[in-house]
Each structure stands twice: as C-alpha cells, then as structure tokens.
PDB file of N, CA and C in Angstrom:
ATOM      1  N   MET A   1     -66.758 -58.003 -16.549  1.00  0.00           N
ATOM      2  CA  MET A   1     -66.953 -57.937 -15.117  1.00  0.00           C
ATOM      3  C   MET A   1     -68.429 -57.671 -14.830  1.00  0.00           C
ATOM      4  N   ASN A   2     -69.227 -58.702 -14.846  1.00  0.00           N
ATOM      5  CA  ASN A   2     -70.654 -58.566 -14.573  1.00  0.00           C
ATOM      6  C   ASN A   2     -70.935 -58.820 -13.107  1.00  0.00           C
ATOM      7  N   LYS A   3     -71.023 -57.754 -12.348  1.00  0.00           N
ATOM      8  CA  LYS A   3     -71.373 -57.897 -10.947  1.00  0.00           C
ATOM      9  C   LYS A   3     -72.832 -57.538 -10.752  1.00  0.00           C
ATOM     10  N   PRO A   4     -73.442 -58.034  -9.678  1.00  0.00           N
ATOM     11  CA  PRO A   4     -74.851 -57.709  -9.440  1.00  0.00           C
ATOM     12  C   PRO A   4     -75.054 -56.198  -9.303  1.00  0.00           C
ATOM     13  N   TRP A   5     -76.265 -55.734  -9.624  1.00  0.00           N
ATOM     14  CA  TRP A   5     -76.549 -54.301  -9.618  1.00  0.00           C
ATOM     15  C   TRP A   5     -76.331 -53.690  -8.251  1.00  0.00           C
ATOM     16  N   TYR A   6     -76.587 -54.423  -7.175  1.00  0.00           N
ATOM     17  CA  TYR A   6     -76.481 -53.858  -5.830  1.00  0.00           C
ATOM     18  C   TYR A   6     -75.039 -53.695  -5.365  1.00  0.00           C
ATOM     19  N   LYS A   7     -74.078 -54.194  -6.147  1.00  0.00           N
ATOM     20  CA  LYS A   7     -72.671 -53.992  -5.804  1.00  0.00           C
ATOM     21  C   LYS A   7     -72.078 -52.789  -6.547  1.00  0.00           C
ATOM     22  N   SER A   8     -72.874 -52.122  -7.351  1.00  0.00           N
ATOM     23  CA  SER A   8     -72.433 -50.930  -8.077  1.00  0.00           C
ATOM     24  C   SER A   8     -72.946 -49.688  -7.348  1.00  0.00           C
ATOM     25  N   LYS A   9     -72.009 -48.848  -6.918  1.00  0.00           N
ATOM     26  CA  LYS A   9     -72.403 -47.631  -6.202  1.00  0.00           C
ATOM     27  C   LYS A   9     -73.241 -46.715  -7.079  1.00  0.00           C
ATOM     28  N   THR A  10     -72.945 -46.669  -8.364  1.00  0.00           N
ATOM     29  CA  THR A  10     -73.698 -45.825  -9.280  1.00  0.00           C
ATOM     30  C   THR A  10     -75.149 -46.281  -9.381  1.00  0.00           C
ATOM     31  N   LYS A  11     -75.347 -47.572  -9.533  1.00  0.00           N
ATOM     32  CA  LYS A  11     -76.697 -48.108  -9.687  1.00  0.00           C
ATOM     33  C   LYS A  11     -77.492 -47.989  -8.392  1.00  0.00           C
ATOM     34  N   VAL A  12     -76.857 -48.274  -7.261  1.00  0.00           N
ATOM     35  CA  VAL A  12     -77.543 -48.148  -5.975  1.00  0.00           C
ATOM     36  C   VAL A  12     -77.916 -46.686  -5.721  1.00  0.00           C
ATOM     37  N   GLY A  13     -77.012 -45.779  -6.039  1.00  0.00           N
ATOM     38  CA  GLY A  13     -77.297 -44.353  -5.887  1.00  0.00           C
ATOM     39  C   GLY A  13     -78.470 -43.914  -6.750  1.00  0.00           C
ATOM     40  N   ALA A  14     -78.500 -44.407  -7.979  1.00  0.00           N
ATOM     41  CA  ALA A  14     -79.606 -44.055  -8.879  1.00  0.00           C
ATOM     42  C   ALA A  14     -80.931 -44.574  -8.349  1.00  0.00           C
ATOM     43  N   VAL A  15     -80.937 -45.800  -7.833  1.00  0.00           N
ATOM     44  CA  VAL A  15     -82.161 -46.374  -7.282  1.00  0.00           C
ATOM     45  C   VAL A  15     -82.614 -45.584  -6.055  1.00  0.00           C
ATOM     46  N   LEU A  16     -81.668 -45.197  -5.196  1.00  0.00           N
ATOM     47  CA  LEU A  16     -82.035 -44.448  -3.993  1.00  0.00           C
ATOM     48  C   LEU A  16     -82.566 -43.053  -4.332  1.00  0.00           C
ATOM     49  N   VAL A  17     -81.902 -42.353  -5.224  1.00  0.00           N
ATOM     50  CA  VAL A  17     -82.343 -41.004  -5.588  1.00  0.00           C
ATOM     51  C   VAL A  17     -83.684 -41.057  -6.331  1.00  0.00           C
ATOM     52  N   GLY A  18     -83.750 -41.889  -7.354  1.00  0.00           N
ATOM     53  CA  GLY A  18     -84.990 -41.993  -8.123  1.00  0.00           C
ATOM     54  C   GLY A  18     -86.133 -42.555  -7.295  1.00  0.00           C
ATOM     55  N   GLY A  19     -85.838 -43.565  -6.479  1.00  0.00           N
ATOM     56  CA  GLY A  19     -86.867 -44.132  -5.616  1.00  0.00           C
ATOM     57  C   GLY A  19     -87.364 -43.130  -4.594  1.00  0.00           C
ATOM     58  N   GLY A  20     -86.460 -42.324  -4.072  1.00  0.00           N
ATOM     59  CA  GLY A  20     -86.869 -41.279  -3.134  1.00  0.00           C
ATOM     60  C   GLY A  20     -87.797 -40.269  -3.781  1.00  0.00           C
ATOM     61  N   MET A  21     -87.488 -39.919  -5.021  1.00  0.00           N
ATOM     62  CA  MET A  21     -88.360 -38.981  -5.742  1.00  0.00           C
ATOM     63  C   MET A  21     -89.745 -39.583  -5.966  1.00  0.00           C
ATOM     64  N   VAL A  22     -89.779 -40.854  -6.356  1.00  0.00           N
ATOM     65  CA  VAL A  22     -91.058 -41.515  -6.624  1.00  0.00           C
ATOM     66  C   VAL A  22     -91.878 -41.612  -5.345  1.00  0.00           C
ATOM     67  N   LEU A  23     -91.255 -42.050  -4.254  1.00  0.00           N
ATOM     68  CA  LEU A  23     -91.988 -42.192  -2.993  1.00  0.00           C
ATOM     69  C   LEU A  23     -92.446 -40.837  -2.446  1.00  0.00           C
ATOM     70  N   THR A  24     -91.589 -39.824  -2.558  1.00  0.00           N
ATOM     71  CA  THR A  24     -91.958 -38.496  -2.082  1.00  0.00           C
ATOM     72  C   THR A  24     -93.139 -37.945  -2.878  1.00  0.00           C
ATOM     73  N   ALA A  25     -93.058 -38.061  -4.191  1.00  0.00           N
ATOM     74  CA  ALA A  25     -94.160 -37.557  -5.021  1.00  0.00           C
ATOM     75  C   ALA A  25     -95.441 -38.340  -4.756  1.00  0.00           C
ATOM     76  N   GLY A  26     -95.326 -39.649  -4.603  1.00  0.00           N
ATOM     77  CA  GLY A  26     -96.510 -40.456  -4.305  1.00  0.00           C
ATOM     78  C   GLY A  26     -97.148 -40.051  -2.987  1.00  0.00           C
ATOM     79  N   GLY A  27     -96.334 -39.831  -1.975  1.00  0.00           N
ATOM     80  CA  GLY A  27     -96.845 -39.395  -0.683  1.00  0.00           C
ATOM     81  C   GLY A  27     -97.489 -38.021  -0.747  1.00  0.00           C
ATOM     82  N   GLN A  28     -96.883 -37.124  -1.489  1.00  0.00           N
ATOM     83  CA  GLN A  28     -97.455 -35.782  -1.615  1.00  0.00           C
ATOM     84  C   GLN A  28     -98.774 -35.805  -2.377  1.00  0.00           C
ATOM     85  N   ILE A  29     -98.893 -36.699  -3.352  1.00  0.00           N
ATOM     86  CA  ILE A  29    -100.165 -36.831  -4.070  1.00  0.00           C
ATOM     87  C   ILE A  29    -101.236 -37.356  -3.115  1.00  0.00           C
ATOM     88  N   ILE A  30    -100.888 -38.387  -2.346  1.00  0.00           N
ATOM     89  CA  ILE A  30    -101.861 -38.968  -1.409  1.00  0.00           C
ATOM     90  C   ILE A  30    -102.298 -37.940  -0.370  1.00  0.00           C
ATOM     91  N   LEU A  31    -101.347 -37.157   0.147  1.00  0.00           N
ATOM     92  CA  LEU A  31    -101.673 -36.143   1.158  1.00  0.00           C
ATOM     93  C   LEU A  31    -102.236 -34.863   0.555  1.00  0.00           C
ATOM     94  N   GLU A  32    -102.332 -34.828  -0.762  1.00  0.00           N
ATOM     95  CA  GLU A  32    -102.857 -33.684  -1.510  1.00  0.00           C
ATOM     96  C   GLU A  32    -102.058 -32.408  -1.268  1.00  0.00           C
ATOM     97  N   GLU A  33    -100.729 -32.562  -1.138  1.00  0.00           N
ATOM     98  CA  GLU A  33     -99.860 -31.401  -1.018  1.00  0.00           C
ATOM     99  C   GLU A  33     -99.496 -30.836  -2.390  1.00  0.00           C
ATOM    100  N   ILE A  34     -99.521 -31.683  -3.408  1.00  0.00           N
ATOM    101  CA  ILE A  34     -99.305 -31.238  -4.783  1.00  0.00           C
ATOM    102  C   ILE A  34    -100.424 -31.818  -5.642  1.00  0.00           C
ATOM    103  N   ASP A  35    -100.645 -31.187  -6.778  1.00  0.00           N
ATOM    104  CA  ASP A  35    -101.701 -31.697  -7.647  1.00  0.00           C
ATOM    105  C   ASP A  35    -101.208 -32.926  -8.408  1.00  0.00           C
ATOM    106  N   LEU A  36    -102.126 -33.667  -8.953  1.00  0.00           N
ATOM    107  CA  LEU A  36    -101.829 -34.935  -9.609  1.00  0.00           C
ATOM    108  C   LEU A  36    -100.868 -34.774 -10.789  1.00  0.00           C
ATOM    109  N   ALA A  37    -101.081 -33.756 -11.598  1.00  0.00           N
ATOM    110  CA  ALA A  37    -100.244 -33.562 -12.785  1.00  0.00           C
ATOM    111  C   ALA A  37     -98.781 -33.328 -12.405  1.00  0.00           C
ATOM    112  N   THR A  38     -98.544 -32.510 -11.401  1.00  0.00           N
ATOM    113  CA  THR A  38     -97.185 -32.250 -10.943  1.00  0.00           C
ATOM    114  C   THR A  38     -96.564 -33.508 -10.345  1.00  0.00           C
ATOM    115  N   GLY A  39     -97.355 -34.258  -9.600  1.00  0.00           N
ATOM    116  CA  GLY A  39     -96.859 -35.489  -8.993  1.00  0.00           C
ATOM    117  C   GLY A  39     -96.481 -36.541 -10.019  1.00  0.00           C
ATOM    118  N   VAL A  40     -97.293 -36.662 -11.048  1.00  0.00           N
ATOM    119  CA  VAL A  40     -96.992 -37.637 -12.098  1.00  0.00           C
ATOM    120  C   VAL A  40     -95.701 -37.263 -12.819  1.00  0.00           C
ATOM    121  N   VAL A  41     -95.494 -35.989 -13.057  1.00  0.00           N
ATOM    122  CA  VAL A  41     -94.247 -35.544 -13.700  1.00  0.00           C
ATOM    123  C   VAL A  41     -93.053 -35.896 -12.814  1.00  0.00           C
ATOM    124  N   ALA A  42     -93.166 -35.694 -11.506  1.00  0.00           N
ATOM    125  CA  ALA A  42     -92.073 -36.022 -10.585  1.00  0.00           C
ATOM    126  C   ALA A  42     -91.818 -37.530 -10.560  1.00  0.00           C
ATOM    127  N   ILE A  43     -92.873 -38.326 -10.593  1.00  0.00           N
ATOM    128  CA  ILE A  43     -92.704 -39.786 -10.608  1.00  0.00           C
ATOM    129  C   ILE A  43     -92.023 -40.243 -11.892  1.00  0.00           C
ATOM    130  N   ILE A  44     -92.452 -39.698 -13.018  1.00  0.00           N
ATOM    131  CA  ILE A  44     -91.830 -40.059 -14.295  1.00  0.00           C
ATOM    132  C   ILE A  44     -90.361 -39.644 -14.311  1.00  0.00           C
ATOM    133  N   THR A  45     -90.054 -38.491 -13.737  1.00  0.00           N
ATOM    134  CA  THR A  45     -88.669 -38.036 -13.660  1.00  0.00           C
ATOM    135  C   THR A  45     -87.837 -38.978 -12.793  1.00  0.00           C
ATOM    136  N   GLY A  46     -88.376 -39.409 -11.668  1.00  0.00           N
ATOM    137  CA  GLY A  46     -87.660 -40.343 -10.800  1.00  0.00           C
ATOM    138  C   GLY A  46     -87.368 -41.663 -11.484  1.00  0.00           C
ATOM    139  N   VAL A  47     -88.349 -42.194 -12.171  1.00  0.00           N
ATOM    140  CA  VAL A  47     -88.143 -43.446 -12.905  1.00  0.00           C
ATOM    141  C   VAL A  47     -87.120 -43.236 -14.022  1.00  0.00           C
ATOM    142  N   GLY A  48     -87.174 -42.093 -14.676  1.00  0.00           N
ATOM    143  CA  GLY A  48     -86.207 -41.789 -15.727  1.00  0.00           C
ATOM    144  C   GLY A  48     -84.790 -41.705 -15.205  1.00  0.00           C
ATOM    145  N   ILE A  49     -84.609 -41.140 -14.018  1.00  0.00           N
ATOM    146  CA  ILE A  49     -83.274 -41.077 -13.413  1.00  0.00           C
ATOM    147  C   ILE A  49     -82.740 -42.475 -13.173  1.00  0.00           C
ATOM    148  N   ILE A  50     -83.575 -43.337 -12.638  1.00  0.00           N
ATOM    149  CA  ILE A  50     -83.157 -44.719 -12.380  1.00  0.00           C
ATOM    150  C   ILE A  50     -82.732 -45.404 -13.673  1.00  0.00           C
ATOM    151  N   LEU A  51     -83.590 -45.354 -14.677  1.00  0.00           N
ATOM    152  CA  LEU A  51     -83.322 -46.054 -15.928  1.00  0.00           C
ATOM    153  C   LEU A  51     -82.111 -45.476 -16.658  1.00  0.00           C
ATOM    154  N   THR A  52     -81.966 -44.163 -16.635  1.00  0.00           N
ATOM    155  CA  THR A  52     -80.838 -43.528 -17.316  1.00  0.00           C
ATOM    156  C   THR A  52     -79.514 -43.902 -16.666  1.00  0.00           C
ATOM    157  N   ALA A  53     -79.445 -43.792 -15.357  1.00  0.00           N
ATOM    158  CA  ALA A  53     -78.184 -44.091 -14.667  1.00  0.00           C
ATOM    159  C   ALA A  53     -77.801 -45.553 -14.820  1.00  0.00           C
ATOM    160  N   ILE A  54     -78.766 -46.444 -14.694  1.00  0.00           N
ATOM    161  CA  ILE A  54     -78.460 -47.871 -14.846  1.00  0.00           C
ATOM    162  C   ILE A  54     -78.058 -48.174 -16.285  1.00  0.00           C
ATOM    163  N   GLY A  55     -78.753 -47.589 -17.247  1.00  0.00           N
ATOM    164  CA  GLY A  55     -78.420 -47.809 -18.645  1.00  0.00           C
ATOM    165  C   GLY A  55     -77.053 -47.274 -19.011  1.00  0.00           C
ATOM    166  N   LEU A  56     -76.717 -46.082 -18.522  1.00  0.00           N
ATOM    167  CA  LEU A  56     -75.398 -45.524 -18.798  1.00  0.00           C
ATOM    168  C   LEU A  56     -74.295 -46.369 -18.171  1.00  0.00           C
ATOM    169  N   ARG A  57     -74.527 -46.812 -16.946  1.00  0.00           N
ATOM    170  CA  ARG A  57     -73.514 -47.621 -16.261  1.00  0.00           C
ATOM    171  C   ARG A  57     -73.309 -48.945 -16.983  1.00  0.00           C
ATOM    172  N   ASP A  58     -74.388 -49.557 -17.442  1.00  0.00           N
ATOM    173  CA  ASP A  58     -74.262 -50.812 -18.196  1.00  0.00           C
ATOM    174  C   ASP A  58     -73.515 -50.583 -19.505  1.00  0.00           C
ATOM    175  N   ALA A  59     -73.794 -49.472 -20.168  1.00  0.00           N
ATOM    176  CA  ALA A  59     -73.110 -49.177 -21.428  1.00  0.00           C
ATOM    177  C   ALA A  59     -71.616 -48.965 -21.209  1.00  0.00           C
ATOM    178  N   ILE A  60     -71.270 -48.287 -20.120  1.00  0.00           N
ATOM    179  CA  ILE A  60     -69.850 -48.061 -19.806  1.00  0.00           C
ATOM    180  C   ILE A  60     -69.152 -49.377 -19.508  1.00  0.00           C
ATOM    181  N   GLU A  61     -69.826 -50.261 -18.761  1.00  0.00           N
ATOM    182  CA  GLU A  61     -69.239 -51.551 -18.424  1.00  0.00           C
ATOM    183  C   GLU A  61     -69.030 -52.416 -19.667  1.00  0.00           C
ATOM    184  N   LYS A  62     -69.911 -52.309 -20.652  1.00  0.00           N
ATOM    185  CA  LYS A  62     -69.783 -53.117 -21.861  1.00  0.00           C
ATOM    186  C   LYS A  62     -68.663 -52.638 -22.772  1.00  0.00           C
ATOM    187  N   THR A  63     -68.309 -51.352 -22.690  1.00  0.00           N
ATOM    188  CA  THR A  63     -67.258 -50.836 -23.568  1.00  0.00           C
ATOM    189  C   THR A  63     -65.866 -51.077 -23.022  1.00  0.00           C
ATOM    190  N   GLN A  64     -65.757 -51.383 -21.735  1.00  0.00           N
ATOM    191  CA  GLN A  64     -64.442 -51.622 -21.145  1.00  0.00           C
ATOM    192  C   GLN A  64     -64.053 -53.089 -21.313  1.00  0.00           C
ATOM    193  N   PRO A  65     -62.755 -53.338 -21.578  1.00  0.00           N
ATOM    194  CA  PRO A  65     -62.311 -54.720 -21.807  1.00  0.00           C
ATOM    195  C   PRO A  65     -62.375 -55.581 -20.560  1.00  0.00           C
TER     196      PRO A  65
END
C-alpha cells in the first residue's frame, strides 16, 4: 500500500512539527533572540524529527503484508 506521503497523518505531522521547529529556530536566529549555536542545534533536531518519523513510518509500511 504505497500512498503518497501527504496522505499519511504520521508523515504530515512529522513535517509540520519538524518544519515548525526549523522555521522557529531560523526566525529566532535572524532576530537574534537565540545564539547561532543553539539555533543550529534546534534546526538539526527539527530535521531529525522529520527524517526519523518518515523513516519509521516507511519501515512499518514495508513490514506489513
């Protein structure tokens, strides 16, 4: 059952949560509300959330008949 990523609630949720973290951290860096090192860590964490959730969901879909 290979459906597009945008039809999976798990994948869309991961993109929204991780994307929100990336955009928030990017905005805070630009506005100088947080220092660069902290912002980069938040951006990397957001991208990691996206990749982890999508990867786990794909792995679960591949194991089911």
